[in-house]
Every structure is written in structure tokens, then in C-alpha cells.
PDB file of N, CA and C in Angstrom:
ATOM      1  N   MET A   1       0.827  -1.107  -0.129  1.00  0.00           N
ATOM      2  CA  MET A   1      -0.119   0.147  -0.136  1.00  0.00           C
ATOM      3  C   MET A   1       0.919   1.074   0.067  1.00  0.00           C
ATOM      4  N   SER A   2       0.496   1.962  -1.239  1.00  0.00           N
ATOM      5  CA  SER A   2       1.075   3.315  -0.820  1.00  0.00           C
ATOM      6  C   SER A   2       0.728   4.157   0.121  1.00  0.00           C
ATOM      7  N   PRO A   3       1.323   4.956   1.057  1.00  0.00           N
ATOM      8  CA  PRO A   3       0.655   6.044   2.045  1.00  0.00           C
ATOM      9  C   PRO A   3       0.487   6.907   1.451  1.00  0.00           C
ATOM     10  N   THR A   4       0.993   7.338  -0.012  1.00  0.00           N
ATOM     11  CA  THR A   4       0.782   8.284  -0.595  1.00  0.00           C
ATOM     12  C   THR A   4      -0.444   8.664  -1.617  1.00  0.00           C
ATOM     13  N   LEU A   5      -1.286   7.515  -1.700  1.00  0.00           N
ATOM     14  CA  LEU A   5      -2.168   7.850  -2.411  1.00  0.00           C
ATOM     15  C   LEU A   5      -3.496   7.867  -1.793  1.00  0.00           C
ATOM     16  N   HIS A   6      -4.333   8.608  -2.277  1.00  0.00           N
ATOM     17  CA  HIS A   6      -5.624   8.735  -1.013  1.00  0.00           C
ATOM     18  C   HIS A   6      -6.696   7.447  -1.484  1.00  0.00           C
ATOM     19  N   GLU A   7      -6.116   6.638  -2.749  1.00  0.00           N
ATOM     20  CA  GLU A   7      -7.328   5.543  -2.551  1.00  0.00           C
ATOM     21  C   GLU A   7      -6.909   4.525  -1.852  1.00  0.00           C
ATOM     22  N   SER A   8      -5.498   4.358  -1.153  1.00  0.00           N
ATOM     23  CA  SER A   8      -5.030   3.242   0.085  1.00  0.00           C
ATOM     24  C   SER A   8      -5.816   3.912   1.365  1.00  0.00           C
ATOM     25  N   HIS A   9      -6.102   4.919   1.590  1.00  0.00           N
ATOM     26  CA  HIS A   9      -6.750   5.232   2.592  1.00  0.00           C
ATOM     27  C   HIS A   9      -8.013   5.183   2.582  1.00  0.00           C
ATOM     28  N   PHE A  10      -8.855   5.385   1.567  1.00  0.00           N
ATOM     29  CA  PHE A  10     -10.132   5.118   1.229  1.00  0.00           C
ATOM     30  C   PHE A  10     -10.154   4.010   1.380  1.00  0.00           C
ATOM     31  N   GLY A  11      -9.797   2.756   0.881  1.00  0.00           N
ATOM     32  CA  GLY A  11      -9.959   1.413   1.171  1.00  0.00           C
ATOM     33  C   GLY A  11      -9.766   1.060   2.287  1.00  0.00           C
ATOM     34  N   LEU A  12      -8.738   1.510   3.407  1.00  0.00           N
ATOM     35  CA  LEU A  12      -8.766   1.060   4.585  1.00  0.00           C
ATOM     36  C   LEU A  12     -10.030   1.814   5.261  1.00  0.00           C
ATOM     37  N   ALA A  13     -10.249   3.187   4.997  1.00  0.00           N
ATOM     38  CA  ALA A  13     -11.639   3.391   5.751  1.00  0.00           C
ATOM     39  C   ALA A  13     -12.602   2.641   5.732  1.00  0.00           C
ATOM     40  N   ARG A  14     -12.786   1.918   4.510  1.00  0.00           N
ATOM     41  CA  ARG A  14     -14.188   1.301   4.002  1.00  0.00           C
ATOM     42  C   ARG A  14     -13.960  -0.109   5.307  1.00  0.00           C
ATOM     43  N   SER A  15     -12.646  -0.635   5.148  1.00  0.00           N
ATOM     44  CA  SER A  15     -12.705  -1.664   5.948  1.00  0.00           C
ATOM     45  C   SER A  15     -12.676  -1.613   7.257  1.00  0.00           C
ATOM     46  N   TYR A  16     -12.214  -0.459   7.810  1.00  0.00           N
ATOM     47  CA  TYR A  16     -12.753  -0.198   9.501  1.00  0.00           C
ATOM     48  C   TYR A  16     -14.078   0.405   9.585  1.00  0.00           C
ATOM     49  N   PHE A  17     -14.817   0.981   8.435  1.00  0.00           N
ATOM     50  CA  PHE A  17     -16.009   0.998   8.582  1.00  0.00           C
ATOM     51  C   PHE A  17     -16.975  -0.297   8.510  1.00  0.00           C
ATOM     52  N   GLU A  18     -16.581  -1.230   7.889  1.00  0.00           N
ATOM     53  CA  GLU A  18     -17.215  -2.618   7.727  1.00  0.00           C
ATOM     54  C   GLU A  18     -16.784  -3.316   9.061  1.00  0.00           C
ATOM     55  N   LEU A  19     -15.902  -2.902   9.841  1.00  0.00           N
ATOM     56  CA  LEU A  19     -15.525  -3.462  11.228  1.00  0.00           C
ATOM     57  C   LEU A  19     -16.107  -2.796  12.583  1.00  0.00           C
ATOM     58  N   ASN A  20     -16.522  -1.660  12.138  1.00  0.00           N
ATOM     59  CA  ASN A  20     -17.578  -0.973  12.850  1.00  0.00           C
ATOM     60  C   ASN A  20     -16.553   0.067  13.978  1.00  0.00           C
ATOM     61  N   ASN A  21     -15.338  -0.115  13.099  1.00  0.00           N
ATOM     62  CA  ASN A  21     -14.041   1.028  13.998  1.00  0.00           C
ATOM     63  C   ASN A  21     -14.375   2.320  13.386  1.00  0.00           C
ATOM     64  N   ILE A  22     -15.453   3.225  13.632  1.00  0.00           N
ATOM     65  CA  ILE A  22     -15.656   4.523  13.198  1.00  0.00           C
ATOM     66  C   ILE A  22     -14.646   5.403  13.499  1.00  0.00           C
ATOM     67  N   ALA A  23     -13.600   5.325  14.601  1.00  0.00           N
ATOM     68  CA  ALA A  23     -12.641   6.199  14.697  1.00  0.00           C
ATOM     69  C   ALA A  23     -11.740   5.726  13.505  1.00  0.00           C
ATOM     70  N   ARG A  24     -11.683   4.710  13.488  1.00  0.00           N
ATOM     71  CA  ARG A  24     -10.289   4.401  12.413  1.00  0.00           C
ATOM     72  C   ARG A  24     -10.522   4.697  10.734  1.00  0.00           C
ATOM     73  N   ALA A  25     -12.011   4.272  10.800  1.00  0.00           N
ATOM     74  CA  ALA A  25     -12.344   4.804   9.699  1.00  0.00           C
ATOM     75  C   ALA A  25     -12.498   6.492   9.350  1.00  0.00           C
ATOM     76  N   GLU A  26     -13.072   7.021  10.132  1.00  0.00           N
ATOM     77  CA  GLU A  26     -12.859   8.771  10.437  1.00  0.00           C
ATOM     78  C   GLU A  26     -11.261   9.117   9.502  1.00  0.00           C
ATOM     79  N   PHE A  27     -10.305   8.483  10.613  1.00  0.00           N
ATOM     80  CA  PHE A  27      -9.095   9.187  10.664  1.00  0.00           C
ATOM     81  C   PHE A  27      -8.523   8.688   9.189  1.00  0.00           C
ATOM     82  N   HIS A  28      -8.810   7.400   8.475  1.00  0.00           N
ATOM     83  CA  HIS A  28      -8.742   7.660   6.728  1.00  0.00           C
ATOM     84  C   HIS A  28      -9.075   8.280   5.578  1.00  0.00           C
ATOM     85  N   LEU A  29     -10.249   8.755   6.311  1.00  0.00           N
ATOM     86  CA  LEU A  29     -11.579   9.332   5.343  1.00  0.00           C
ATOM     87  C   LEU A  29     -10.218  10.751   5.376  1.00  0.00           C
ATOM     88  N   ARG A  30     -10.073  11.081   6.517  1.00  0.00           N
ATOM     89  CA  ARG A  30      -9.526  12.417   6.606  1.00  0.00           C
ATOM     90  C   ARG A  30      -8.085  12.710   5.761  1.00  0.00           C
ATOM     91  N   LYS A  31      -7.284  11.418   5.838  1.00  0.00           N
ATOM     92  CA  LYS A  31      -5.836  11.317   5.464  1.00  0.00           C
ATOM     93  C   LYS A  31      -6.400  11.211   3.549  1.00  0.00           C
ATOM     94  N   ALA A  32      -7.461  10.363   3.535  1.00  0.00           N
ATOM     95  CA  ALA A  32      -7.251  10.465   2.045  1.00  0.00           C
ATOM     96  C   ALA A  32      -7.645  11.946   1.242  1.00  0.00           C
ATOM     97  N   ARG A  33      -8.758  12.436   2.106  1.00  0.00           N
ATOM     98  CA  ARG A  33      -8.793  13.678   1.697  1.00  0.00           C
ATOM     99  C   ARG A  33      -7.898  14.466   1.580  1.00  0.00           C
ATOM    100  N   LYS A  34      -6.635  14.530   2.703  1.00  0.00           N
ATOM    101  CA  LYS A  34      -5.492  15.542   2.755  1.00  0.00           C
ATOM    102  C   LYS A  34      -4.720  14.919   1.145  1.00  0.00           C
ATOM    103  N   LYS A  35      -4.701  13.773   1.011  1.00  0.00           N
ATOM    104  CA  LYS A  35      -3.584  13.091   0.165  1.00  0.00           C
ATOM    105  C   LYS A  35      -4.194  13.093  -1.333  1.00  0.00           C
ATOM    106  N   ALA A  36      -5.594  13.784  -1.724  1.00  0.00           N
ATOM    107  CA  ALA A  36      -5.971  13.665  -2.951  1.00  0.00           C
ATOM    108  C   ALA A  36      -5.627  15.104  -3.462  1.00  0.00           C
ATOM    109  N   ASP A  37      -5.566  15.039  -4.797  1.00  0.00           N
ATOM    110  CA  ASP A  37      -4.978  16.111  -5.573  1.00  0.00           C
ATOM    111  C   ASP A  37      -6.317  17.199  -6.065  1.00  0.00           C
ATOM    112  N   PHE A  38      -7.068  16.347  -6.339  1.00  0.00           N
ATOM    113  CA  PHE A  38      -8.455  16.882  -7.549  1.00  0.00           C
ATOM    114  C   PHE A  38      -9.474  17.531  -6.160  1.00  0.00           C
ATOM    115  N   THR A  39      -9.804  18.884  -6.513  1.00  0.00           N
ATOM    116  CA  THR A  39     -10.951  19.432  -5.802  1.00  0.00           C
ATOM    117  C   THR A  39     -12.144  18.498  -5.808  1.00  0.00           C
ATOM    118  N   HIS A  40     -12.222  17.590  -6.901  1.00  0.00           N
ATOM    119  CA  HIS A  40     -13.421  16.759  -7.177  1.00  0.00           C
ATOM    120  C   HIS A  40     -12.861  15.583  -6.002  1.00  0.00           C
ATOM    121  N   ASP A  41     -12.114  14.926  -5.935  1.00  0.00           N
ATOM    122  CA  ASP A  41     -11.578  14.281  -4.827  1.00  0.00           C
ATOM    123  C   ASP A  41     -11.694  14.553  -3.491  1.00  0.00           C
ATOM    124  N   LYS A  42     -11.463  15.955  -2.998  1.00  0.00           N
ATOM    125  CA  LYS A  42     -11.593  15.971  -1.729  1.00  0.00           C
ATOM    126  C   LYS A  42     -13.049  16.682  -1.754  1.00  0.00           C
ATOM    127  N   GLN A  43     -13.830  17.091  -2.440  1.00  0.00           N
ATOM    128  CA  GLN A  43     -15.028  17.398  -2.132  1.00  0.00           C
ATOM    129  C   GLN A  43     -16.109  15.788  -2.046  1.00  0.00           C
ATOM    130  N   ARG A  44     -15.407  14.647  -2.751  1.00  0.00           N
ATOM    131  CA  ARG A  44     -16.158  13.415  -2.304  1.00  0.00           C
ATOM    132  C   ARG A  44     -16.091  13.340  -0.866  1.00  0.00           C
ATOM    133  N   TYR A  45     -14.391  13.277  -0.584  1.00  0.00           N
ATOM    134  CA  TYR A  45     -14.236  12.748   0.738  1.00  0.00           C
ATOM    135  C   TYR A  45     -14.884  13.738   1.994  1.00  0.00           C
ATOM    136  N   ASP A  46     -15.181  15.112   1.744  1.00  0.00           N
ATOM    137  CA  ASP A  46     -15.681  15.567   2.760  1.00  0.00           C
ATOM    138  C   ASP A  46     -16.923  15.137   2.733  1.00  0.00           C
ATOM    139  N   ASN A  47     -17.628  15.033   1.660  1.00  0.00           N
ATOM    140  CA  ASN A  47     -19.438  14.231   1.599  1.00  0.00           C
ATOM    141  C   ASN A  47     -19.093  13.016   2.637  1.00  0.00           C
ATOM    142  N   LYS A  48     -18.004  12.299   2.671  1.00  0.00           N
ATOM    143  CA  LYS A  48     -18.436  10.923   2.823  1.00  0.00           C
ATOM    144  C   LYS A  48     -18.293  11.060   4.608  1.00  0.00           C
ATOM    145  N   LEU A  49     -17.185  12.320   4.449  1.00  0.00           N
ATOM    146  CA  LEU A  49     -16.955  12.361   6.394  1.00  0.00           C
ATOM    147  C   LEU A  49     -18.689  13.137   6.750  1.00  0.00           C
ATOM    148  N   ILE A  50     -19.219  13.689   5.941  1.00  0.00           N
ATOM    149  CA  ILE A  50     -20.452  14.444   6.562  1.00  0.00           C
ATOM    150  C   ILE A  50     -21.366  13.237   6.702  1.00  0.00           C
ATOM    151  N   ALA A  51     -21.522  12.516   5.859  1.00  0.00           N
ATOM    152  CA  ALA A  51     -22.616  10.879   5.876  1.00  0.00           C
ATOM    153  C   ALA A  51     -21.903   9.825   7.297  1.00  0.00           C
ATOM    154  N   LEU A  52     -20.803  10.069   7.212  1.00  0.00           N
ATOM    155  CA  LEU A  52     -20.293   9.209   8.273  1.00  0.00           C
ATOM    156  C   LEU A  52     -20.544  10.235   9.894  1.00  0.00           C
ATOM    157  N   LYS A  53     -20.407  11.389   9.745  1.00  0.00           N
ATOM    158  CA  LYS A  53     -21.252  11.857  11.322  1.00  0.00           C
ATOM    159  C   LYS A  53     -22.123  11.756  11.307  1.00  0.00           C
ATOM    160  N   SER A  54     -23.317  11.770  10.203  1.00  0.00           N
ATOM    161  CA  SER A  54     -24.463  11.899  10.191  1.00  0.00           C
ATOM    162  C   SER A  54     -24.962  10.440  10.533  1.00  0.00           C
ATOM    163  N   LEU A  55     -24.457   9.454  10.724  1.00  0.00           N
ATOM    164  CA  LEU A  55     -24.609   7.974  10.752  1.00  0.00           C
ATOM    165  C   LEU A  55     -24.206   8.021  12.418  1.00  0.00           C
ATOM    166  N   ILE A  56     -22.998   8.773  12.841  1.00  0.00           N
ATOM    167  CA  ILE A  56     -22.588   8.408  14.055  1.00  0.00           C
ATOM    168  C   ILE A  56     -23.962   9.125  15.106  1.00  0.00           C
ATOM    169  N   VAL A  57     -24.679  10.369  14.812  1.00  0.00           N
ATOM    170  CA  VAL A  57     -25.521  11.142  15.510  1.00  0.00           C
ATOM    171  C   VAL A  57     -26.941  10.327  15.499  1.00  0.00           C
ATOM    172  N   LYS A  58     -27.383   9.617  14.203  1.00  0.00           N
ATOM    173  CA  LYS A  58     -28.361   8.531  13.787  1.00  0.00           C
ATOM    174  C   LYS A  58     -28.478   7.667  14.655  1.00  0.00           C
ATOM    175  N   ALA A  59     -26.927   7.210  15.224  1.00  0.00           N
ATOM    176  CA  ALA A  59     -26.759   5.682  16.148  1.00  0.00           C
ATOM    177  C   ALA A  59     -26.908   6.250  17.537  1.00  0.00           C
ATOM    178  N   ASN A  60     -26.377   7.620  17.723  1.00  0.00           N
ATOM    179  CA  ASN A  60     -26.636   7.596  19.222  1.00  0.00           C
ATOM    180  C   ASN A  60     -28.037   7.936  19.489  1.00  0.00           C
ATOM    181  N   HIS A  61     -28.885   8.239  18.712  1.00  0.00           N
ATOM    182  CA  HIS A  61     -30.098   8.490  19.703  1.00  0.00           C
ATOM    183  C   HIS A  61     -30.724   7.808  19.159  1.00  0.00           C
ATOM    184  N   TYR A  62     -30.394   6.102  18.866  1.00  0.00           N
ATOM    185  CA  TYR A  62     -31.278   4.810  18.962  1.00  0.00           C
ATOM    186  C   TYR A  62     -31.087   4.029  20.260  1.00  0.00           C
TER     187      TYR A  62
END
């Protein structure tokens, strides 16, 4: 895995999310966003972080 590729961090974020490790999923989404070169990729990661936060809030209400 290349630590400089945003796709690698996104893959880790997905894996951690599937394992219900939300903190690590968020960590790797933030890393992916930081390493993304293009604005559209950064926006996509911003949207994924917003969705993840929304899921956390909903889960805490149940």
C-alpha cells in the first residue's frame, strides 16, 4: 500500500467502517482527503465525512 495514494486510505476507511471501527474509518477518510490532488476528490471525501458524522449522530439517538 502506498501511503501517498488517497485510494489506499479510502480502502482502509471502508474496511474499518465494515469492522465498525468508526474512529479509524474517520481517520483514514481524513488522510485520504488530505492526500487527494483534485478538488472533486476532496469534495467527495468531505461528503463521505459528513455522511459518516450523520450516521454517528443517528446511531447515538437509538
